[in-house]
Structures are given as structure tokens and as C-alpha cells.
Amino acid sequence: MKRVAAVLSVGLLTLTVASCSEESPGEGPASNYSVSASGGPTSQSVPSDPALPHSGAPAVVDPLPESALSDHPCDVLTPEQVQQALGSGASTGSPSDLEQVGPGCDWGNVESLGGMQIGFSTVSRAGLSAQYANTKPQVKVFRELASVGGFPAVAFKASENDRVCTVAVGLADEYSITSTVGLSAEKEAEGVDSCVPAEKVAEMVVGNLKAKAGE
């Protein structure tokens, strides 16, 4: 259980890094906020952003209406989809909202030691530009994906072998969703790239949001 909690704490940290606005590329995450015992940030400053998109982020040509994000992230996946992602024994969703980022939800599996988190990045109004401006300079792995559900997306993690990966999908220039996955002990031992299941979960989330929007 402690390991699952640690995975989800890393997810909270990753989402917070992704939500920050532009800063000096040489600054690390610890210079912007500290992490409490529960894994959440205790402080963060979000300055005004320039015109969107910026910092190399692609424009979202056909944005998804923000009304599609009206449900809480804990309701964005069906129980069957959660079990598909984490296996039997997966927990029900637990809210992990962050004031500086937006709504979030955690799931874990104490048997497999896997976990995941879905977040709606709606507060900063920067969409994927936040990841390009702030997260990209701070992580060793930052990959542009072809698309997730027809939307521009990136995958990032601390290192190639990191068992935790986040996929961020720009649904509009101003807002995005994130899917953070921590590998199960079995998948980690097999050497699975943690960004692969993170992208699959992101695909499910975007598919459900598109269906809600009637697309």
C-alpha cells in the first residue's frame, strides 16, 4: 500500500510541475514548491502567460468543448476501464484535486502495486504550452506523440527507466488532461515502458470525453 501511495504522490508532483507557467529552464522543481508529507504541493506561483500556444506547443485545431470536462475525473473512466488499466482489485477513484491545477483522481491496486491518476489541467489556462514551457526543461524524457484521440499530446518522465510516466493531451489551447501511470511490480520487472500504458489510459479518457461531447 505504501508503494501505491508513493506512486500517486509522484503523480501529484508531476501534475503540479506540468501546470506551472514559464520559468528559467535551469530551475528544478524544488525551487518552485515543496512537497508535504501527503505528496501535495505547499506553494506555487502562476504568472500570466503569453498568447497561446507558446514555447513550441502545437495549436489545437479542433478543440473539444470545455463542457466535456464538467464531470469529475473520478467519473471519467468506467469501472471496467479502470480494471482494464490496473487489473482486478483496483480501488475506486479517490479525488486528488489541486487548487493550482484542477480536478484530479487517483486509483491504485494494492495487489499489483500499480497506480494511476487522471487530472484536468484547467486552472492555468495554458494547456500544453505549460508542459512545453515548464516541464520540458525539467525532465530527461519528453516525447511528442503523433496524437491521442486526434489531439496533440506529449509523454514525459524523469528517466527512460522511470516506472511512472505522464501523458498530457491538449484538448484546447487553454486546457488539457493528464494521465499518470505507475507500473505494477510485474510490468516493471518486465521492463515495460511506463509511457505505453499512460498513453492507453489517456486514449480511453479522451474517447469518453469525446463521446460525452457528441463527437
C-alpha atoms as a PDB file:
ATOM      1  CA  MET A   1       0.000   0.000   0.000  1.00  0.00           C
ATOM      2  CA  LYS A   2       2.857   2.381   0.793  1.00  0.00           C
ATOM      3  CA  ARG A   3       4.281   1.884  -2.679  1.00  0.00           C
ATOM      4  CA  VAL A   4       0.934   2.647  -4.348  1.00  0.00           C
ATOM      5  CA  ALA A   5       0.671   5.810  -2.265  1.00  0.00           C
ATOM      6  CA  ALA A   6       4.176   6.794  -3.331  1.00  0.00           C
ATOM      7  CA  VAL A   7       3.275   6.331  -6.999  1.00  0.00           C
ATOM      8  CA  LEU A   8       0.236   8.551  -6.652  1.00  0.00           C
ATOM      9  CA  SER A   9       2.261  11.147  -4.765  1.00  0.00           C
ATOM     10  CA  VAL A  10       4.658  11.264  -7.702  1.00  0.00           C
ATOM     11  CA  GLY A  11       1.623  11.764  -9.919  1.00  0.00           C
ATOM     12  CA  LEU A  12       0.570  14.759  -7.877  1.00  0.00           C
ATOM     13  CA  LEU A  13       4.063  16.185  -8.164  1.00  0.00           C
ATOM     14  CA  THR A  14       4.150  15.615 -11.915  1.00  0.00           C
ATOM     15  CA  LEU A  15       0.807  17.308 -12.427  1.00  0.00           C
ATOM     16  CA  THR A  16       1.952  20.300 -10.421  1.00  0.00           C
ATOM     17  CA  VAL A  17       5.126  20.637 -12.487  1.00  0.00           C
ATOM     18  CA  ALA A  18       3.045  20.424 -15.652  1.00  0.00           C
ATOM     19  CA  SER A  19       0.704  23.168 -14.503  1.00  0.00           C
ATOM     20  CA  CYS A  20       3.375  25.771 -13.785  1.00  0.00           C
ATOM     21  CA  SER A  21       3.864  28.679 -16.141  1.00  0.00           C
ATOM     22  CA  GLU A  22       7.154  29.685 -17.727  1.00  0.00           C
ATOM     23  CA  GLU A  23      10.295  29.824 -15.613  1.00  0.00           C
ATOM     24  CA  SER A  24      14.006  29.662 -16.092  1.00  0.00           C
ATOM     25  CA  PRO A  25      14.923  26.288 -17.676  1.00  0.00           C
ATOM     26  CA  GLY A  26      17.739  25.834 -15.191  1.00  0.00           C
ATOM     27  CA  GLU A  27      15.455  25.827 -12.185  1.00  0.00           C
ATOM     28  CA  GLY A  28      14.418  22.451 -10.806  1.00  0.00           C
ATOM     29  CA  PRO A  29      11.032  21.532  -9.328  1.00  0.00           C
ATOM     30  CA  ALA A  30      12.207  22.069  -5.741  1.00  0.00           C
ATOM     31  CA  SER A  31      12.844  25.744  -6.439  1.00  0.00           C
ATOM     32  CA  ASN A  32       9.159  26.343  -7.188  1.00  0.00           C
ATOM     33  CA  TYR A  33       7.351  24.453  -4.472  1.00  0.00           C
ATOM     34  CA  SER A  34       7.872  21.998  -1.666  1.00  0.00           C
ATOM     35  CA  VAL A  35       6.086  18.695  -1.224  1.00  0.00           C
ATOM     36  CA  SER A  36       4.289  17.918   2.001  1.00  0.00           C
ATOM     37  CA  ALA A  37       4.136  14.524   3.680  1.00  0.00           C
ATOM     38  CA  SER A  38       0.966  13.745   1.733  1.00  0.00           C
ATOM     39  CA  GLY A  39       2.728  14.393  -1.570  1.00  0.00           C
ATOM     40  CA  GLY A  40       0.875  17.602  -2.448  1.00  0.00           C
ATOM     41  CA  PRO A  41       2.470  20.963  -3.186  1.00  0.00           C
ATOM     42  CA  THR A  42       2.546  23.580  -0.448  1.00  0.00           C
ATOM     43  CA  SER A  43       3.273  26.613  -2.623  1.00  0.00           C
ATOM     44  CA  GLN A  44       3.426  27.623  -6.241  1.00  0.00           C
ATOM     45  CA  SER A  45       3.288  30.826  -8.244  1.00  0.00           C
ATOM     46  CA  VAL A  46       1.476  31.008 -11.576  1.00  0.00           C
ATOM     47  CA  PRO A  47       2.317  34.191 -13.502  1.00  0.00           C
ATOM     48  CA  SER A  48       0.390  35.404 -16.515  1.00  0.00           C
ATOM     49  CA  ASP A  49       1.044  33.513 -19.730  1.00  0.00           C
ATOM     50  CA  PRO A  50       1.782  34.990 -23.165  1.00  0.00           C
ATOM     51  CA  ALA A  51      -0.513  34.391 -26.113  1.00  0.00           C
ATOM     52  CA  LEU A  52      -1.318  30.744 -26.743  1.00  0.00           C
ATOM     53  CA  PRO A  53       0.103  28.487 -27.892  1.00  0.00           C
ATOM     54  CA  HIS A  54       3.685  29.315 -26.950  1.00  0.00           C
ATOM     55  CA  SER A  55       7.063  27.720 -26.178  1.00  0.00           C
ATOM     56  CA  GLY A  56       6.816  25.370 -29.153  1.00  0.00           C
ATOM     57  CA  ALA A  57       3.488  23.802 -28.227  1.00  0.00           C
ATOM     58  CA  PRO A  58       1.253  22.932 -31.179  1.00  0.00           C
ATOM     59  CA  ALA A  59      -2.072  24.675 -31.690  1.00  0.00           C
ATOM     60  CA  VAL A  60      -5.226  22.647 -31.101  1.00  0.00           C
ATOM     61  CA  VAL A  61      -7.001  22.975 -34.434  1.00  0.00           C
ATOM     62  CA  ASP A  62     -10.335  21.408 -33.449  1.00  0.00           C
ATOM     63  CA  PRO A  63     -10.745  21.890 -29.685  1.00  0.00           C
ATOM     64  CA  LEU A  64     -13.060  19.817 -27.528  1.00  0.00           C
ATOM     65  CA  PRO A  65     -15.698  21.948 -25.766  1.00  0.00           C
ATOM     66  CA  GLU A  66     -14.727  22.602 -22.160  1.00  0.00           C
ATOM     67  CA  SER A  67     -18.204  21.454 -21.144  1.00  0.00           C
ATOM     68  CA  ALA A  68     -16.928  17.909 -21.750  1.00  0.00           C
ATOM     69  CA  LEU A  69     -14.836  18.359 -18.573  1.00  0.00           C
ATOM     70  CA  SER A  70     -17.842  19.141 -16.395  1.00  0.00           C
ATOM     71  CA  ASP A  71     -17.703  15.725 -14.693  1.00  0.00           C
ATOM     72  CA  HIS A  72     -15.082  14.980 -12.044  1.00  0.00           C
ATOM     73  CA  PRO A  73     -12.075  12.917 -13.246  1.00  0.00           C
ATOM     74  CA  CYS A  74     -13.161  10.096 -10.906  1.00  0.00           C
ATOM     75  CA  ASP A  75     -16.192   9.661 -13.174  1.00  0.00           C
ATOM     76  CA  VAL A  76     -14.377   9.861 -16.489  1.00  0.00           C
ATOM     77  CA  LEU A  77     -13.476   6.146 -16.624  1.00  0.00           C
ATOM     78  CA  THR A  78     -15.882   3.252 -16.217  1.00  0.00           C
ATOM     79  CA  PRO A  79     -15.133   0.581 -13.571  1.00  0.00           C
ATOM     80  CA  GLU A  80     -14.386  -1.803 -16.437  1.00  0.00           C
ATOM     81  CA  GLN A  81     -11.837   0.611 -17.894  1.00  0.00           C
ATOM     82  CA  VAL A  82     -10.174   1.063 -14.503  1.00  0.00           C
ATOM     83  CA  GLN A  83      -9.921  -2.706 -14.140  1.00  0.00           C
ATOM     84  CA  GLN A  84      -8.543  -2.953 -17.673  1.00  0.00           C
ATOM     85  CA  ALA A  85      -5.825  -0.471 -16.755  1.00  0.00           C
ATOM     86  CA  LEU A  86      -4.955  -1.744 -13.271  1.00  0.00           C
ATOM     87  CA  GLY A  87      -6.285  -5.294 -13.122  1.00  0.00           C
ATOM     88  CA  SER A  88      -8.716  -6.898 -10.724  1.00  0.00           C
ATOM     89  CA  GLY A  89      -8.506  -5.481  -7.241  1.00  0.00           C
ATOM     90  CA  ALA A  90      -8.243  -1.870  -8.423  1.00  0.00           C
ATOM     91  CA  SER A  91      -9.570   0.688  -5.989  1.00  0.00           C
ATOM     92  CA  THR A  92     -12.425   3.069  -6.624  1.00  0.00           C
ATOM     93  CA  GLY A  93     -11.401   6.580  -7.571  1.00  0.00           C
ATOM     94  CA  SER A  94     -10.220   8.935  -4.834  1.00  0.00           C
ATOM     95  CA  PRO A  95     -10.304  12.707  -5.546  1.00  0.00           C
ATOM     96  CA  SER A  96      -6.884  14.353  -5.629  1.00  0.00           C
ATOM     97  CA  ASP A  97      -7.824  17.873  -6.687  1.00  0.00           C
ATOM     98  CA  LEU A  98      -5.125  20.549  -6.754  1.00  0.00           C
ATOM     99  CA  GLU A  99      -6.090  24.198  -6.421  1.00  0.00           C
ATOM    100  CA  GLN A 100      -3.273  25.313  -8.729  1.00  0.00           C
ATOM    101  CA  VAL A 101      -4.050  22.715 -11.420  1.00  0.00           C
ATOM    102  CA  GLY A 102      -7.626  21.463 -11.402  1.00  0.00           C
ATOM    103  CA  PRO A 103      -9.609  18.340 -10.503  1.00  0.00           C
ATOM    104  CA  GLY A 104      -7.792  15.023 -10.204  1.00  0.00           C
ATOM    105  CA  CYS A 105      -8.447  11.413  -9.263  1.00  0.00           C
ATOM    106  CA  ASP A 106      -6.239   8.541  -8.053  1.00  0.00           C
ATOM    107  CA  TRP A 107      -6.654   4.782  -8.397  1.00  0.00           C
ATOM    108  CA  GLY A 108      -4.397   2.051  -7.047  1.00  0.00           C
ATOM    109  CA  ASN A 109      -4.061  -1.699  -6.794  1.00  0.00           C
ATOM    110  CA  VAL A 110      -2.515  -2.973  -3.561  1.00  0.00           C
ATOM    111  CA  GLU A 111      -2.034  -6.429  -5.056  1.00  0.00           C
ATOM    112  CA  SER A 112      -0.108  -5.445  -8.193  1.00  0.00           C
ATOM    113  CA  LEU A 113       1.337  -2.204  -6.708  1.00  0.00           C
ATOM    114  CA  GLY A 114       0.256  -0.300  -9.830  1.00  0.00           C
ATOM    115  CA  GLY A 115      -1.493   3.047  -9.779  1.00  0.00           C
ATOM    116  CA  MET A 116      -2.744   5.855 -11.970  1.00  0.00           C
ATOM    117  CA  GLN A 117      -4.026   9.393 -11.806  1.00  0.00           C
ATOM    118  CA  ILE A 118      -6.206  11.428 -14.159  1.00  0.00           C
ATOM    119  CA  GLY A 119      -6.090  15.207 -13.985  1.00  0.00           C
ATOM    120  CA  PHE A 120      -7.907  18.065 -15.687  1.00  0.00           C
ATOM    121  CA  SER A 121      -5.459  20.967 -16.137  1.00  0.00           C
ATOM    122  CA  THR A 122      -7.908  23.848 -16.309  1.00  0.00           C
ATOM    123  CA  VAL A 123      -6.675  26.489 -13.843  1.00  0.00           C
ATOM    124  CA  SER A 124      -3.586  27.945 -15.521  1.00  0.00           C
ATOM    125  CA  ARG A 125      -5.382  28.366 -18.880  1.00  0.00           C
ATOM    126  CA  ALA A 126      -2.166  27.374 -20.653  1.00  0.00           C
ATOM    127  CA  GLY A 127      -2.922  23.880 -21.992  1.00  0.00           C
ATOM    128  CA  LEU A 128       0.066  22.049 -23.461  1.00  0.00           C
ATOM    129  CA  SER A 129       2.051  25.298 -23.503  1.00  0.00           C
ATOM    130  CA  ALA A 130       2.603  24.772 -19.758  1.00  0.00           C
ATOM    131  CA  GLN A 131       4.288  21.426 -20.397  1.00  0.00           C
ATOM    132  CA  TYR A 132       6.492  22.850 -23.155  1.00  0.00           C
ATOM    133  CA  ALA A 133       7.470  25.946 -21.168  1.00  0.00           C
ATOM    134  CA  ASN A 134       7.977  24.409 -17.756  1.00  0.00           C
ATOM    135  CA  THR A 135       8.046  20.618 -17.750  1.00  0.00           C
ATOM    136  CA  LYS A 136      10.202  20.024 -20.828  1.00  0.00           C
ATOM    137  CA  PRO A 137      13.304  21.741 -19.384  1.00  0.00           C
ATOM    138  CA  GLN A 138      12.998  19.782 -16.129  1.00  0.00           C
ATOM    139  CA  VAL A 139      12.645  16.169 -17.297  1.00  0.00           C
ATOM    140  CA  LYS A 140      15.016  13.883 -19.167  1.00  0.00           C
ATOM    141  CA  VAL A 141      12.291  12.267 -21.278  1.00  0.00           C
ATOM    142  CA  PHE A 142       9.842  14.498 -23.159  1.00  0.00           C
ATOM    143  CA  ARG A 143       8.288  12.932 -26.252  1.00  0.00           C
ATOM    144  CA  GLU A 144       5.858  14.433 -28.707  1.00  0.00           C
ATOM    145  CA  LEU A 145       3.206  11.864 -29.619  1.00  0.00           C
ATOM    146  CA  ALA A 146       1.538  11.619 -33.016  1.00  0.00           C
ATOM    147  CA  SER A 147      -1.820  12.303 -31.357  1.00  0.00           C
ATOM    148  CA  VAL A 148      -4.121  10.942 -28.687  1.00  0.00           C
ATOM    149  CA  GLY A 149      -7.701  10.741 -29.845  1.00  0.00           C
ATOM    150  CA  GLY A 150      -6.902  13.247 -32.576  1.00  0.00           C
ATOM    151  CA  PHE A 151      -5.411  15.830 -30.212  1.00  0.00           C
ATOM    152  CA  PRO A 152      -1.758  16.874 -29.771  1.00  0.00           C
ATOM    153  CA  ALA A 153      -0.056  15.138 -26.861  1.00  0.00           C
ATOM    154  CA  VAL A 154       3.259  14.655 -25.097  1.00  0.00           C
ATOM    155  CA  ALA A 155       4.659  11.981 -22.785  1.00  0.00           C
ATOM    156  CA  PHE A 156       7.224  12.764 -20.106  1.00  0.00           C
ATOM    157  CA  LYS A 157       9.050  11.132 -17.208  1.00  0.00           C
ATOM    158  CA  ALA A 158      12.144  11.625 -15.100  1.00  0.00           C
ATOM    159  CA  SER A 159      14.221   8.980 -16.911  1.00  0.00           C
ATOM    160  CA  GLU A 160      13.872   6.247 -19.521  1.00  0.00           C
ATOM    161  CA  ASN A 161      13.528   3.582 -16.822  1.00  0.00           C
ATOM    162  CA  ASP A 162      11.139   5.526 -14.603  1.00  0.00           C
ATOM    163  CA  ARG A 163       8.155   3.375 -13.631  1.00  0.00           C
ATOM    164  CA  VAL A 164       5.952   6.494 -13.649  1.00  0.00           C
ATOM    165  CA  CYS A 165       5.024   8.364 -16.844  1.00  0.00           C
ATOM    166  CA  THR A 166       2.586  11.171 -17.618  1.00  0.00           C
ATOM    167  CA  VAL A 167       0.823  11.775 -20.912  1.00  0.00           C
ATOM    168  CA  ALA A 168      -0.658  15.250 -21.393  1.00  0.00           C
ATOM    169  CA  VAL A 169      -3.248  15.850 -24.098  1.00  0.00           C
ATOM    170  CA  GLY A 170      -4.182  19.322 -25.313  1.00  0.00           C
ATOM    171  CA  LEU A 171      -7.955  19.437 -25.766  1.00  0.00           C
ATOM    172  CA  ALA A 172      -7.759  23.168 -26.492  1.00  0.00           C
ATOM    173  CA  ASP A 173      -5.017  25.775 -26.360  1.00  0.00           C
ATOM    174  CA  GLU A 174      -6.230  26.712 -22.852  1.00  0.00           C
ATOM    175  CA  TYR A 175      -6.803  23.339 -21.162  1.00  0.00           C
ATOM    176  CA  SER A 176      -5.579  19.763 -21.206  1.00  0.00           C
ATOM    177  CA  ILE A 177      -5.904  16.416 -19.460  1.00  0.00           C
ATOM    178  CA  THR A 178      -3.142  14.286 -17.974  1.00  0.00           C
ATOM    179  CA  SER A 179      -2.818  10.565 -17.464  1.00  0.00           C
ATOM    180  CA  THR A 180      -0.132   9.455 -14.991  1.00  0.00           C
ATOM    181  CA  VAL A 181       0.535   5.728 -14.647  1.00  0.00           C
ATOM    182  CA  GLY A 182       2.802   3.876 -12.225  1.00  0.00           C
ATOM    183  CA  LEU A 183       3.689   0.377 -13.421  1.00  0.00           C
ATOM    184  CA  SER A 184       2.762  -2.714 -11.461  1.00  0.00           C
ATOM    185  CA  ALA A 185       5.654  -4.655  -9.972  1.00  0.00           C
ATOM    186  CA  GLU A 186       5.259  -7.301 -12.683  1.00  0.00           C
ATOM    187  CA  LYS A 187       5.287  -4.810 -15.567  1.00  0.00           C
ATOM    188  CA  GLU A 188       8.252  -3.002 -14.039  1.00  0.00           C
ATOM    189  CA  ALA A 189      10.191  -6.272 -13.824  1.00  0.00           C
ATOM    190  CA  GLU A 190       9.350  -6.950 -17.483  1.00  0.00           C
ATOM    191  CA  GLY A 191      10.868  -3.608 -18.467  1.00  0.00           C
ATOM    192  CA  VAL A 192       7.645  -2.166 -19.866  1.00  0.00           C
ATOM    193  CA  ASP A 193       7.865   1.495 -20.930  1.00  0.00           C
ATOM    194  CA  SER A 194       5.555   3.251 -18.457  1.00  0.00           C
ATOM    195  CA  CYS A 195       4.517   5.741 -21.142  1.00  0.00           C
ATOM    196  CA  VAL A 196       2.778   2.981 -23.119  1.00  0.00           C
ATOM    197  CA  PRO A 197       0.006   2.291 -20.558  1.00  0.00           C
ATOM    198  CA  ALA A 198      -0.174   6.016 -19.754  1.00  0.00           C
ATOM    199  CA  GLU A 199      -0.991   6.693 -23.403  1.00  0.00           C
ATOM    200  CA  LYS A 200      -3.571   3.894 -23.471  1.00  0.00           C
ATOM    201  CA  VAL A 201      -5.326   5.334 -20.430  1.00  0.00           C
ATOM    202  CA  ALA A 202      -5.237   8.801 -21.988  1.00  0.00           C
ATOM    203  CA  GLU A 203      -6.859   7.365 -25.125  1.00  0.00           C
ATOM    204  CA  MET A 204      -9.694   5.937 -23.020  1.00  0.00           C
ATOM    205  CA  VAL A 205     -10.221   9.229 -21.205  1.00  0.00           C
ATOM    206  CA  VAL A 206     -10.249  11.288 -24.393  1.00  0.00           C
ATOM    207  CA  GLY A 207     -12.583   8.780 -26.054  1.00  0.00           C
ATOM    208  CA  ASN A 208     -15.055   9.098 -23.185  1.00  0.00           C
ATOM    209  CA  LEU A 209     -14.852  12.909 -23.238  1.00  0.00           C
ATOM    210  CA  LYS A 210     -15.429  12.982 -26.997  1.00  0.00           C
ATOM    211  CA  ALA A 211     -18.435  10.690 -26.619  1.00  0.00           C
ATOM    212  CA  LYS A 212     -19.848  12.998 -23.946  1.00  0.00           C
ATOM    213  CA  ALA A 213     -19.397  15.959 -26.298  1.00  0.00           C
ATOM    214  CA  GLY A 214     -21.179  14.048 -29.044  1.00  0.00           C
ATOM    215  CA  GLU A 215     -18.101  13.669 -31.221  1.00  0.00           C
END
